[in-house]
Amino acid sequence: MISPDSITVFGADWCRDCVRTKAQLDSLGVTYTYVDLVAEPAAADVARDISGRTNIPVVVYPDSTHHVEPSNADVDAKLRELALI
């Protein structure tokens, strides 16, 4: 489910922050794996284990760090730190 060399986004289509984060990654041309928690409800446990919270989206980066409900600025800064944009 989580690839150590890519970004994984745990979210749901009813979540505005999830839609916003996916749109940001898409607009930047960043490749990521999207885990739809509605289609894969068991993955919610994985996201909670990573973040310690039930909030989404959970964005997991290749360096094993993560953001929960990140702002666009947070995602942008992390992508620049990892030289992904």
C-alpha atoms as a PDB file:
ATOM      1  CA  MET A   1       0.000   0.000   0.000  1.00  0.00           C
ATOM      2  CA  ILE A   2       2.767   2.456   0.915  1.00  0.00           C
ATOM      3  CA  SER A   3       5.726   2.629  -1.413  1.00  0.00           C
ATOM      4  CA  PRO A   4       8.953   3.879   0.163  1.00  0.00           C
ATOM      5  CA  ASP A   5       9.884   5.817  -2.970  1.00  0.00           C
ATOM      6  CA  SER A   6       6.624   7.631  -3.627  1.00  0.00           C
ATOM      7  CA  ILE A   7       3.915   9.702  -1.994  1.00  0.00           C
ATOM      8  CA  THR A   8       0.799   8.035  -0.627  1.00  0.00           C
ATOM      9  CA  VAL A   9      -2.379   9.989   0.086  1.00  0.00           C
ATOM     10  CA  PHE A  10      -5.072   8.454   2.282  1.00  0.00           C
ATOM     11  CA  GLY A  11      -8.386  10.206   1.782  1.00  0.00           C
ATOM     12  CA  ALA A  12     -11.984  10.177   0.627  1.00  0.00           C
ATOM     13  CA  ASP A  13     -13.760  11.960  -2.208  1.00  0.00           C
ATOM     14  CA  TRP A  14     -16.264  13.563   0.224  1.00  0.00           C
ATOM     15  CA  CYS A  15     -13.360  15.290   2.038  1.00  0.00           C
ATOM     16  CA  ARG A  16     -12.694  18.807   0.700  1.00  0.00           C
ATOM     17  CA  ASP A  17      -9.126  18.843   2.048  1.00  0.00           C
ATOM     18  CA  CYS A  18      -8.454  15.516   0.316  1.00  0.00           C
ATOM     19  CA  VAL A  19      -9.799  16.830  -2.990  1.00  0.00           C
ATOM     20  CA  ARG A  20      -7.697  19.998  -2.602  1.00  0.00           C
ATOM     21  CA  THR A  21      -4.492  18.075  -1.836  1.00  0.00           C
ATOM     22  CA  LYS A  22      -5.020  15.705  -4.778  1.00  0.00           C
ATOM     23  CA  ALA A  23      -5.659  18.683  -7.080  1.00  0.00           C
ATOM     24  CA  GLN A  24      -2.472  20.352  -5.870  1.00  0.00           C
ATOM     25  CA  LEU A  25      -0.364  17.240  -6.511  1.00  0.00           C
ATOM     26  CA  ASP A  26      -1.994  16.763  -9.912  1.00  0.00           C
ATOM     27  CA  SER A  27      -1.372  20.389 -10.906  1.00  0.00           C
ATOM     28  CA  LEU A  28       2.289  20.059  -9.914  1.00  0.00           C
ATOM     29  CA  GLY A  29       2.658  16.824 -11.878  1.00  0.00           C
ATOM     30  CA  VAL A  30       3.685  14.897  -8.771  1.00  0.00           C
ATOM     31  CA  THR A  31       3.098  11.152  -8.923  1.00  0.00           C
ATOM     32  CA  TYR A  32       1.335   9.664  -5.914  1.00  0.00           C
ATOM     33  CA  THR A  33      -0.743   6.700  -4.847  1.00  0.00           C
ATOM     34  CA  TYR A  34      -4.254   7.537  -3.679  1.00  0.00           C
ATOM     35  CA  VAL A  35      -5.865   5.226  -1.145  1.00  0.00           C
ATOM     36  CA  ASP A  36      -9.625   5.771  -1.150  1.00  0.00           C
ATOM     37  CA  LEU A  37     -10.797   5.056   2.386  1.00  0.00           C
ATOM     38  CA  VAL A  38     -14.391   4.570   1.205  1.00  0.00           C
ATOM     39  CA  ALA A  39     -13.364   1.854  -1.252  1.00  0.00           C
ATOM     40  CA  GLU A  40     -10.787   0.416   1.170  1.00  0.00           C
ATOM     41  CA  PRO A  41     -12.173   0.968   4.701  1.00  0.00           C
ATOM     42  CA  ALA A  42      -9.491  -1.225   6.316  1.00  0.00           C
ATOM     43  CA  ALA A  43      -6.888   1.289   5.084  1.00  0.00           C
ATOM     44  CA  ALA A  44      -8.301   3.783   7.608  1.00  0.00           C
ATOM     45  CA  ASP A  45      -6.557   1.740  10.296  1.00  0.00           C
ATOM     46  CA  VAL A  46      -3.276   2.076   8.403  1.00  0.00           C
ATOM     47  CA  ALA A  47      -3.725   5.852   8.098  1.00  0.00           C
ATOM     48  CA  ARG A  48      -4.580   6.112  11.805  1.00  0.00           C
ATOM     49  CA  ASP A  49      -1.528   4.015  12.749  1.00  0.00           C
ATOM     50  CA  ILE A  50       0.678   6.365  10.721  1.00  0.00           C
ATOM     51  CA  SER A  51      -0.774   9.625  11.971  1.00  0.00           C
ATOM     52  CA  GLY A  52      -2.166   8.773  15.380  1.00  0.00           C
ATOM     53  CA  ARG A  53      -5.345  10.590  14.336  1.00  0.00           C
ATOM     54  CA  THR A  54      -8.510   9.937  12.388  1.00  0.00           C
ATOM     55  CA  ASN A  55      -8.299  13.157  10.346  1.00  0.00           C
ATOM     56  CA  ILE A  56      -7.713  13.009   6.600  1.00  0.00           C
ATOM     57  CA  PRO A  57      -5.987  13.424   4.289  1.00  0.00           C
ATOM     58  CA  VAL A  58      -2.880  11.717   5.548  1.00  0.00           C
ATOM     59  CA  VAL A  59      -0.016  12.370   3.136  1.00  0.00           C
ATOM     60  CA  VAL A  60       2.985  10.061   3.530  1.00  0.00           C
ATOM     61  CA  TYR A  61       6.230  11.158   1.874  1.00  0.00           C
ATOM     62  CA  PRO A  62       9.156   9.060   0.589  1.00  0.00           C
ATOM     63  CA  ASP A  63      11.249  10.032   3.645  1.00  0.00           C
ATOM     64  CA  SER A  64       8.570   8.381   5.876  1.00  0.00           C
ATOM     65  CA  THR A  65       7.347  11.707   7.270  1.00  0.00           C
ATOM     66  CA  HIS A  66       3.694  12.619   6.970  1.00  0.00           C
ATOM     67  CA  HIS A  67       1.212  15.453   7.129  1.00  0.00           C
ATOM     68  CA  VAL A  68      -2.351  15.310   8.400  1.00  0.00           C
ATOM     69  CA  GLU A  69      -4.766  17.809   6.844  1.00  0.00           C
ATOM     70  CA  PRO A  70      -1.884  19.793   5.339  1.00  0.00           C
ATOM     71  CA  SER A  71      -2.254  23.215   3.813  1.00  0.00           C
ATOM     72  CA  ASN A  72      -1.095  23.708   0.231  1.00  0.00           C
ATOM     73  CA  ALA A  73       1.877  25.634   1.629  1.00  0.00           C
ATOM     74  CA  ASP A  74       2.827  22.661   3.846  1.00  0.00           C
ATOM     75  CA  VAL A  75       2.719  20.260   0.909  1.00  0.00           C
ATOM     76  CA  ASP A  76       4.619  22.668  -1.338  1.00  0.00           C
ATOM     77  CA  ALA A  77       7.366  23.163   1.264  1.00  0.00           C
ATOM     78  CA  LYS A  78       7.766  19.415   1.797  1.00  0.00           C
ATOM     79  CA  LEU A  79       7.885  18.696  -1.929  1.00  0.00           C
ATOM     80  CA  ARG A  80      10.597  21.340  -2.328  1.00  0.00           C
ATOM     81  CA  GLU A  81      12.524  19.928   0.650  1.00  0.00           C
ATOM     82  CA  LEU A  82      12.479  16.514  -1.028  1.00  0.00           C
ATOM     83  CA  ALA A  83      13.353  18.052  -4.421  1.00  0.00           C
ATOM     84  CA  LEU A  84      10.180  16.637  -5.954  1.00  0.00           C
ATOM     85  CA  ILE A  85       9.251  19.980  -7.522  1.00  0.00           C
END
